[in-house]
Amino acid sequence: MLHHTLAWRRAAPAQELYLSLDYGEMRDGADTGTPRWRRLAGAAVGVRGKLPRANLSYDLLAGLPLSTSAAGATPVFLGFRLVWHY
């Protein structure tokens, strides 16, 4: 798997915008005796940062597949992560 991220720190404290590119391969079909390699590539854009007073960090993103050999790939996805540090 390859993962590359280009990030830009904003003037807002503890916040950055980013562009991410991913590529990976997975093996499929082991139970049929003829394994195949599936290639996946995708891109995402998002913002991540911290809210120090609340002990929180966050990551909001939107992504899309650039290339896939898997059937039924999601056209666009939205994601978020919220972490509370104690």
PDB file of N, CA and C in Angstrom:
ATOM      1  N   MET A   1       0.837  -1.173   0.000  1.00  0.00           N
ATOM      2  CA  MET A   1       0.000   0.000   0.000  1.00  0.00           C
ATOM      3  C   MET A   1       0.883   1.238   0.000  1.00  0.00           C
ATOM      4  N   LEU A   2       0.500   2.212  -0.784  1.00  0.00           N
ATOM      5  CA  LEU A   2       1.175   3.505  -0.822  1.00  0.00           C
ATOM      6  C   LEU A   2       0.194   4.578  -0.372  1.00  0.00           C
ATOM      7  N   HIS A   3       0.678   5.519   0.397  1.00  0.00           N
ATOM      8  CA  HIS A   3      -0.167   6.613   0.879  1.00  0.00           C
ATOM      9  C   HIS A   3       0.657   7.892   0.852  1.00  0.00           C
ATOM     10  N   HIS A   4       0.152   8.914   0.181  1.00  0.00           N
ATOM     11  CA  HIS A   4       0.826  10.208   0.117  1.00  0.00           C
ATOM     12  C   HIS A   4      -0.147  11.290   0.545  1.00  0.00           C
ATOM     13  N   THR A   5       0.323  12.230   1.354  1.00  0.00           N
ATOM     14  CA  THR A   5      -0.512  13.328   1.823  1.00  0.00           C
ATOM     15  C   THR A   5       0.225  14.643   1.644  1.00  0.00           C
ATOM     16  N   LEU A   6      -0.481  15.614   1.090  1.00  0.00           N
ATOM     17  CA  LEU A   6       0.017  16.978   0.969  1.00  0.00           C
ATOM     18  C   LEU A   6      -0.841  17.829   1.898  1.00  0.00           C
ATOM     19  N   ALA A   7      -0.218  18.470   2.891  1.00  0.00           N
ATOM     20  CA  ALA A   7      -0.971  19.221   3.901  1.00  0.00           C
ATOM     21  C   ALA A   7      -0.565  20.687   3.898  1.00  0.00           C
ATOM     22  N   TRP A   8      -1.527  21.553   4.222  1.00  0.00           N
ATOM     23  CA  TRP A   8      -1.310  22.990   4.307  1.00  0.00           C
ATOM     24  C   TRP A   8      -1.843  23.469   5.645  1.00  0.00           C
ATOM     25  N   ARG A   9      -0.946  23.933   6.497  1.00  0.00           N
ATOM     26  CA  ARG A   9      -1.364  24.450   7.802  1.00  0.00           C
ATOM     27  C   ARG A   9      -1.989  25.820   7.614  1.00  0.00           C
ATOM     28  N   ARG A  10      -3.156  25.972   8.180  1.00  0.00           N
ATOM     29  CA  ARG A  10      -3.887  27.229   8.068  1.00  0.00           C
ATOM     30  C   ARG A  10      -3.502  28.172   9.189  1.00  0.00           C
ATOM     31  N   ALA A  11      -3.974  29.404   9.060  1.00  0.00           N
ATOM     32  CA  ALA A  11      -3.709  30.395  10.102  1.00  0.00           C
ATOM     33  C   ALA A  11      -4.419  30.025  11.403  1.00  0.00           C
ATOM     34  N   ALA A  12      -5.531  29.313  11.288  1.00  0.00           N
ATOM     35  CA  ALA A  12      -6.240  28.873  12.495  1.00  0.00           C
ATOM     36  C   ALA A  12      -5.332  27.934  13.274  1.00  0.00           C
ATOM     37  N   PRO A  13      -5.269  28.088  14.576  1.00  0.00           N
ATOM     38  CA  PRO A  13      -4.394  27.219  15.382  1.00  0.00           C
ATOM     39  C   PRO A  13      -4.790  25.747  15.269  1.00  0.00           C
ATOM     40  N   ALA A  14      -3.790  24.916  15.145  1.00  0.00           N
ATOM     41  CA  ALA A  14      -3.957  23.453  15.173  1.00  0.00           C
ATOM     42  C   ALA A  14      -4.956  22.949  14.137  1.00  0.00           C
ATOM     43  N   GLN A  15      -4.903  23.497  12.918  1.00  0.00           N
ATOM     44  CA  GLN A  15      -5.801  23.047  11.860  1.00  0.00           C
ATOM     45  C   GLN A  15      -5.042  23.007  10.540  1.00  0.00           C
ATOM     46  N   GLU A  16      -5.319  21.976   9.707  1.00  0.00           N
ATOM     47  CA  GLU A  16      -4.692  21.910   8.391  1.00  0.00           C
ATOM     48  C   GLU A  16      -5.634  21.303   7.367  1.00  0.00           C
ATOM     49  N   LEU A  17      -5.512  21.763   6.143  1.00  0.00           N
ATOM     50  CA  LEU A  17      -6.199  21.178   4.998  1.00  0.00           C
ATOM     51  C   LEU A  17      -5.261  20.154   4.379  1.00  0.00           C
ATOM     52  N   TYR A  18      -5.807  19.087   3.782  1.00  0.00           N
ATOM     53  CA  TYR A  18      -4.926  18.098   3.163  1.00  0.00           C
ATOM     54  C   TYR A  18      -5.556  17.463   1.936  1.00  0.00           C
ATOM     55  N   LEU A  19      -4.693  16.973   1.068  1.00  0.00           N
ATOM     56  CA  LEU A  19      -5.047  16.190  -0.102  1.00  0.00           C
ATOM     57  C   LEU A  19      -4.296  14.873   0.032  1.00  0.00           C
ATOM     58  N   SER A  20      -4.999  13.774  -0.130  1.00  0.00           N
ATOM     59  CA  SER A  20      -4.398  12.461   0.087  1.00  0.00           C
ATOM     60  C   SER A  20      -4.616  11.573  -1.135  1.00  0.00           C
ATOM     61  N   LEU A  21      -3.598  10.804  -1.505  1.00  0.00           N
ATOM     62  CA  LEU A  21      -3.684   9.819  -2.581  1.00  0.00           C
ATOM     63  C   LEU A  21      -3.274   8.463  -2.024  1.00  0.00           C
ATOM     64  N   ASP A  22      -4.049   7.437  -2.326  1.00  0.00           N
ATOM     65  CA  ASP A  22      -3.784   6.083  -1.840  1.00  0.00           C
ATOM     66  C   ASP A  22      -3.787   5.099  -3.001  1.00  0.00           C
ATOM     67  N   TYR A  23      -2.948   4.071  -2.885  1.00  0.00           N
ATOM     68  CA  TYR A  23      -2.928   2.982  -3.848  1.00  0.00           C
ATOM     69  C   TYR A  23      -2.642   1.693  -3.090  1.00  0.00           C
ATOM     70  N   GLY A  24      -3.351   0.640  -3.438  1.00  0.00           N
ATOM     71  CA  GLY A  24      -3.100  -0.634  -2.781  1.00  0.00           C
ATOM     72  C   GLY A  24      -3.522  -1.802  -3.655  1.00  0.00           C
ATOM     73  N   GLU A  25      -3.061  -2.974  -3.287  1.00  0.00           N
ATOM     74  CA  GLU A  25      -3.420  -4.210  -3.969  1.00  0.00           C
ATOM     75  C   GLU A  25      -3.850  -5.225  -2.929  1.00  0.00           C
ATOM     76  N   MET A  26      -4.836  -6.036  -3.276  1.00  0.00           N
ATOM     77  CA  MET A  26      -5.249  -7.102  -2.368  1.00  0.00           C
ATOM     78  C   MET A  26      -5.466  -8.369  -3.176  1.00  0.00           C
ATOM     79  N   ARG A  27      -5.224  -9.460  -2.528  1.00  0.00           N
ATOM     80  CA  ARG A  27      -5.348 -10.760  -3.175  1.00  0.00           C
ATOM     81  C   ARG A  27      -6.740 -11.302  -2.902  1.00  0.00           C
ATOM     82  N   ASP A  28      -7.363 -11.825  -3.938  1.00  0.00           N
ATOM     83  CA  ASP A  28      -8.726 -12.335  -3.829  1.00  0.00           C
ATOM     84  C   ASP A  28      -8.800 -13.695  -4.521  1.00  0.00           C
ATOM     85  N   GLY A  29      -9.749 -14.502  -4.125  1.00  0.00           N
ATOM     86  CA  GLY A  29      -9.976 -15.768  -4.793  1.00  0.00           C
ATOM     87  C   GLY A  29      -9.154 -16.920  -4.263  1.00  0.00           C
ATOM     88  N   ALA A  30      -8.630 -16.816  -3.047  1.00  0.00           N
ATOM     89  CA  ALA A  30      -7.808 -17.895  -2.491  1.00  0.00           C
ATOM     90  C   ALA A  30      -8.609 -19.183  -2.341  1.00  0.00           C
ATOM     91  N   ASP A  31      -9.917 -19.062  -2.058  1.00  0.00           N
ATOM     92  CA  ASP A  31     -10.734 -20.262  -1.863  1.00  0.00           C
ATOM     93  C   ASP A  31     -11.089 -20.945  -3.186  1.00  0.00           C
ATOM     94  N   THR A  32     -10.928 -20.271  -4.319  1.00  0.00           N
ATOM     95  CA  THR A  32     -11.237 -20.884  -5.615  1.00  0.00           C
ATOM     96  C   THR A  32     -10.020 -21.545  -6.247  1.00  0.00           C
ATOM     97  N   GLY A  33      -8.850 -21.329  -5.679  1.00  0.00           N
ATOM     98  CA  GLY A  33      -7.638 -21.921  -6.218  1.00  0.00           C
ATOM     99  C   GLY A  33      -6.970 -21.080  -7.290  1.00  0.00           C
ATOM    100  N   THR A  34      -7.611 -20.002  -7.715  1.00  0.00           N
ATOM    101  CA  THR A  34      -7.015 -19.097  -8.711  1.00  0.00           C
ATOM    102  C   THR A  34      -7.007 -17.676  -8.149  1.00  0.00           C
ATOM    103  N   PRO A  35      -6.018 -17.364  -7.327  1.00  0.00           N
ATOM    104  CA  PRO A  35      -5.978 -16.027  -6.729  1.00  0.00           C
ATOM    105  C   PRO A  35      -5.776 -14.933  -7.771  1.00  0.00           C
ATOM    106  N   ARG A  36      -6.437 -13.815  -7.554  1.00  0.00           N
ATOM    107  CA  ARG A  36      -6.299 -12.638  -8.410  1.00  0.00           C
ATOM    108  C   ARG A  36      -5.880 -11.458  -7.546  1.00  0.00           C
ATOM    109  N   TRP A  37      -5.174 -10.534  -8.150  1.00  0.00           N
ATOM    110  CA  TRP A  37      -4.809  -9.302  -7.464  1.00  0.00           C
ATOM    111  C   TRP A  37      -5.765  -8.202  -7.888  1.00  0.00           C
ATOM    112  N   ARG A  38      -6.330  -7.516  -6.919  1.00  0.00           N
ATOM    113  CA  ARG A  38      -7.211  -6.377  -7.191  1.00  0.00           C
ATOM    114  C   ARG A  38      -6.461  -5.101  -6.847  1.00  0.00           C
ATOM    115  N   ARG A  39      -6.505  -4.150  -7.741  1.00  0.00           N
ATOM    116  CA  ARG A  39      -5.822  -2.867  -7.535  1.00  0.00           C
ATOM    117  C   ARG A  39      -6.849  -1.791  -7.222  1.00  0.00           C
ATOM    118  N   LEU A  40      -6.542  -0.978  -6.227  1.00  0.00           N
ATOM    119  CA  LEU A  40      -7.428   0.096  -5.796  1.00  0.00           C
ATOM    120  C   LEU A  40      -6.632   1.386  -5.679  1.00  0.00           C
ATOM    121  N   ALA A  41      -7.208   2.489  -6.118  1.00  0.00           N
ATOM    122  CA  ALA A  41      -6.583   3.803  -5.963  1.00  0.00           C
ATOM    123  C   ALA A  41      -7.679   4.803  -5.632  1.00  0.00           C
ATOM    124  N   GLY A  42      -7.351   5.780  -4.807  1.00  0.00           N
ATOM    125  CA  GLY A  42      -8.341   6.774  -4.424  1.00  0.00           C
ATOM    126  C   GLY A  42      -7.700   8.077  -4.003  1.00  0.00           C
ATOM    127  N   ALA A  43      -8.531   9.092  -3.891  1.00  0.00           N
ATOM    128  CA  ALA A  43      -8.073  10.414  -3.465  1.00  0.00           C
ATOM    129  C   ALA A  43      -9.065  10.967  -2.455  1.00  0.00           C
ATOM    130  N   ALA A  44      -8.575  11.823  -1.579  1.00  0.00           N
ATOM    131  CA  ALA A  44      -9.440  12.458  -0.584  1.00  0.00           C
ATOM    132  C   ALA A  44      -8.939  13.867  -0.312  1.00  0.00           C
ATOM    133  N   VAL A  45      -9.861  14.724   0.071  1.00  0.00           N
ATOM    134  CA  VAL A  45      -9.534  16.071   0.511  1.00  0.00           C
ATOM    135  C   VAL A  45     -10.226  16.252   1.859  1.00  0.00           C
ATOM    136  N   GLY A  46      -9.555  16.917   2.788  1.00  0.00           N
ATOM    137  CA  GLY A  46     -10.152  17.048   4.110  1.00  0.00           C
ATOM    138  C   GLY A  46      -9.514  18.132   4.944  1.00  0.00           C
ATOM    139  N   VAL A  47     -10.022  18.250   6.141  1.00  0.00           N
ATOM    140  CA  VAL A  47      -9.488  19.184   7.128  1.00  0.00           C
ATOM    141  C   VAL A  47      -9.382  18.420   8.444  1.00  0.00           C
ATOM    142  N   ARG A  48      -8.285  18.618   9.154  1.00  0.00           N
ATOM    143  CA  ARG A  48      -8.102  17.970  10.454  1.00  0.00           C
ATOM    144  C   ARG A  48      -7.494  18.982  11.407  1.00  0.00           C
ATOM    145  N   GLY A  49      -7.729  18.742  12.675  1.00  0.00           N
ATOM    146  CA  GLY A  49      -7.196  19.674  13.654  1.00  0.00           C
ATOM    147  C   GLY A  49      -7.514  19.257  15.070  1.00  0.00           C
ATOM    148  N   LYS A  50      -7.280  20.188  15.992  1.00  0.00           N
ATOM    149  CA  LYS A  50      -7.480  19.929  17.418  1.00  0.00           C
ATOM    150  C   LYS A  50      -8.265  21.065  18.045  1.00  0.00           C
ATOM    151  N   LEU A  51      -9.023  20.718  19.055  1.00  0.00           N
ATOM    152  CA  LEU A  51      -9.699  21.680  19.915  1.00  0.00           C
ATOM    153  C   LEU A  51      -9.126  21.463  21.311  1.00  0.00           C
ATOM    154  N   PRO A  52      -8.009  22.119  21.635  1.00  0.00           N
ATOM    155  CA  PRO A  52      -7.278  21.823  22.869  1.00  0.00           C
ATOM    156  C   PRO A  52      -8.097  22.006  24.151  1.00  0.00           C
ATOM    157  N   ARG A  53      -8.938  23.015  24.199  1.00  0.00           N
ATOM    158  CA  ARG A  53      -9.724  23.249  25.428  1.00  0.00           C
ATOM    159  C   ARG A  53     -10.705  22.122  25.716  1.00  0.00           C
ATOM    160  N   ALA A  54     -11.183  21.478  24.671  1.00  0.00           N
ATOM    161  CA  ALA A  54     -12.131  20.374  24.835  1.00  0.00           C
ATOM    162  C   ALA A  54     -11.439  19.019  24.785  1.00  0.00           C
ATOM    163  N   ASN A  55     -10.106  18.984  24.627  1.00  0.00           N
ATOM    164  CA  ASN A  55      -9.345  17.734  24.503  1.00  0.00           C
ATOM    165  C   ASN A  55      -9.847  16.872  23.344  1.00  0.00           C
ATOM    166  N   LEU A  56     -10.186  17.520  22.228  1.00  0.00           N
ATOM    167  CA  LEU A  56     -10.710  16.815  21.062  1.00  0.00           C
ATOM    168  C   LEU A  56      -9.797  17.013  19.857  1.00  0.00           C
ATOM    169  N   SER A  57      -9.762  16.006  18.997  1.00  0.00           N
ATOM    170  CA  SER A  57      -9.163  16.153  17.675  1.00  0.00           C
ATOM    171  C   SER A  57     -10.187  15.632  16.666  1.00  0.00           C
ATOM    172  N   TYR A  58     -10.118  16.147  15.444  1.00  0.00           N
ATOM    173  CA  TYR A  58     -11.119  15.804  14.442  1.00  0.00           C
ATOM    174  C   TYR A  58     -10.472  15.668  13.071  1.00  0.00           C
ATOM    175  N   ASP A  59     -11.188  14.988  12.184  1.00  0.00           N
ATOM    176  CA  ASP A  59     -10.773  14.809  10.793  1.00  0.00           C
ATOM    177  C   ASP A  59     -12.051  14.669   9.965  1.00  0.00           C
ATOM    178  N   LEU A  60     -12.288  15.593   9.048  1.00  0.00           N
ATOM    179  CA  LEU A  60     -13.436  15.555   8.142  1.00  0.00           C
ATOM    180  C   LEU A  60     -12.897  15.386   6.728  1.00  0.00           C
ATOM    181  N   LEU A  61     -13.471  14.467   5.934  1.00  0.00           N
ATOM    182  CA  LEU A  61     -12.928  14.234   4.602  1.00  0.00           C
ATOM    183  C   LEU A  61     -13.998  13.839   3.601  1.00  0.00           C
ATOM    184  N   ALA A  62     -13.682  14.059   2.331  1.00  0.00           N
ATOM    185  CA  ALA A  62     -14.484  13.592   1.205  1.00  0.00           C
ATOM    186  C   ALA A  62     -13.519  12.910   0.246  1.00  0.00           C
ATOM    187  N   GLY A  63     -13.904  11.749  -0.249  1.00  0.00           N
ATOM    188  CA  GLY A  63     -13.010  11.000  -1.119  1.00  0.00           C
ATOM    189  C   GLY A  63     -13.744  10.331  -2.261  1.00  0.00           C
ATOM    190  N   LEU A  64     -12.968   9.859  -3.229  1.00  0.00           N
ATOM    191  CA  LEU A  64     -13.537   9.146  -4.353  1.00  0.00           C
ATOM    192  C   LEU A  64     -12.518   8.159  -4.895  1.00  0.00           C
ATOM    193  N   PRO A  65     -13.001   7.056  -5.478  1.00  0.00           N
ATOM    194  CA  PRO A  65     -12.077   6.100  -6.085  1.00  0.00           C
ATOM    195  C   PRO A  65     -11.552   6.644  -7.412  1.00  0.00           C
ATOM    196  N   LEU A  66     -10.271   6.461  -7.665  1.00  0.00           N
ATOM    197  CA  LEU A  66      -9.680   6.844  -8.948  1.00  0.00           C
ATOM    198  C   LEU A  66      -9.632   5.654  -9.893  1.00  0.00           C
ATOM    199  N   SER A  67      -9.426   4.470  -9.325  1.00  0.00           N
ATOM    200  CA  SER A  67      -9.397   3.256 -10.125  1.00  0.00           C
ATOM    201  C   SER A  67      -9.687   2.094  -9.198  1.00  0.00           C
ATOM    202  N   THR A  68     -10.472   1.158  -9.691  1.00  0.00           N
ATOM    203  CA  THR A  68     -10.795  -0.015  -8.886  1.00  0.00           C
ATOM    204  C   THR A  68     -11.096  -1.186  -9.805  1.00  0.00           C
ATOM    205  N   SER A  69     -10.744  -2.365  -9.378  1.00  0.00           N
ATOM    206  CA  SER A  69     -11.114  -3.567 -10.118  1.00  0.00           C
ATOM    207  C   SER A  69     -12.202  -4.318  -9.365  1.00  0.00           C
ATOM    208  N   ALA A  70     -12.650  -3.750  -8.251  1.00  0.00           N
ATOM    209  CA  ALA A  70     -13.696  -4.387  -7.452  1.00  0.00           C
ATOM    210  C   ALA A  70     -15.066  -3.919  -7.936  1.00  0.00           C
ATOM    211  N   ALA A  71     -16.000  -4.845  -8.044  1.00  0.00           N
ATOM    212  CA  ALA A  71     -17.358  -4.493  -8.452  1.00  0.00           C
ATOM    213  C   ALA A  71     -18.074  -3.775  -7.315  1.00  0.00           C
ATOM    214  N   GLY A  72     -18.925  -2.847  -7.669  1.00  0.00           N
ATOM    215  CA  GLY A  72     -19.736  -2.169  -6.669  1.00  0.00           C
ATOM    216  C   GLY A  72     -19.002  -1.140  -5.841  1.00  0.00           C
ATOM    217  N   ALA A  73     -18.001  -0.489  -6.398  1.00  0.00           N
ATOM    218  CA  ALA A  73     -17.255   0.525  -5.652  1.00  0.00           C
ATOM    219  C   ALA A  73     -18.140   1.742  -5.395  1.00  0.00           C
ATOM    220  N   THR A  74     -17.999   2.333  -4.230  1.00  0.00           N
ATOM    221  CA  THR A  74     -18.745   3.528  -3.865  1.00  0.00           C
ATOM    222  C   THR A  74     -18.229   4.707  -4.680  1.00  0.00           C
ATOM    223  N   PRO A  75     -19.118   5.493  -5.328  1.00  0.00           N
ATOM    224  CA  PRO A  75     -18.641   6.589  -6.164  1.00  0.00           C
ATOM    225  C   PRO A  75     -17.976   7.717  -5.374  1.00  0.00           C
ATOM    226  N   VAL A  76     -18.555   8.135  -4.283  1.00  0.00           N
ATOM    227  CA  VAL A  76     -18.001   9.194  -3.436  1.00  0.00           C
ATOM    228  C   VAL A  76     -18.294   8.815  -1.995  1.00  0.00           C
ATOM    229  N   PHE A  77     -17.378   9.117  -1.092  1.00  0.00           N
ATOM    230  CA  PHE A  77     -17.659   8.845   0.315  1.00  0.00           C
ATOM    231  C   PHE A  77     -17.284  10.057   1.152  1.00  0.00           C
ATOM    232  N   LEU A  78     -17.989  10.207   2.257  1.00  0.00           N
ATOM    233  CA  LEU A  78     -17.732  11.251   3.241  1.00  0.00           C
ATOM    234  C   LEU A  78     -17.378  10.562   4.543  1.00  0.00           C
ATOM    235  N   GLY A  79     -16.438  11.125   5.282  1.00  0.00           N
ATOM    236  CA  GLY A  79     -16.045  10.501   6.538  1.00  0.00           C
ATOM    237  C   GLY A  79     -15.682  11.530   7.588  1.00  0.00           C
ATOM    238  N   PHE A  80     -15.735  11.095   8.821  1.00  0.00           N
ATOM    239  CA  PHE A  80     -15.298  11.948   9.915  1.00  0.00           C
ATOM    240  C   PHE A  80     -14.749  11.087  11.033  1.00  0.00           C
ATOM    241  N   ARG A  81     -13.897  11.688  11.828  1.00  0.00           N
ATOM    242  CA  ARG A  81     -13.356  11.029  13.012  1.00  0.00           C
ATOM    243  C   ARG A  81     -13.280  12.085  14.101  1.00  0.00           C
ATOM    244  N   LEU A  82     -13.760  11.740  15.260  1.00  0.00           N
ATOM    245  CA  LEU A  82     -13.712  12.627  16.417  1.00  0.00           C
ATOM    246  C   LEU A  82     -13.104  11.832  17.564  1.00  0.00           C
ATOM    247  N   VAL A  83     -12.023  12.354  18.150  1.00  0.00           N
ATOM    248  CA  VAL A  83     -11.312  11.642  19.217  1.00  0.00           C
ATOM    249  C   VAL A  83     -11.258  12.526  20.450  1.00  0.00           C
ATOM    250  N   TRP A  84     -11.655  11.958  21.575  1.00  0.00           N
ATOM    251  CA  TRP A  84     -11.571  12.662  22.849  1.00  0.00           C
ATOM    252  C   TRP A  84     -10.351  12.137  23.589  1.00  0.00           C
ATOM    253  N   HIS A  85      -9.454  13.032  23.971  1.00  0.00           N
ATOM    254  CA  HIS A  85      -8.236  12.671  24.698  1.00  0.00           C
ATOM    255  C   HIS A  85      -8.471  12.923  26.181  1.00  0.00           C
ATOM    256  N   TYR A  86      -8.209  11.915  27.008  1.00  0.00           N
ATOM    257  CA  TYR A  86      -8.384  12.098  28.457  1.00  0.00           C
ATOM    258  C   TYR A  86      -7.114  11.784  29.197  1.00  0.00           C
TER     259      TYR A  86
END
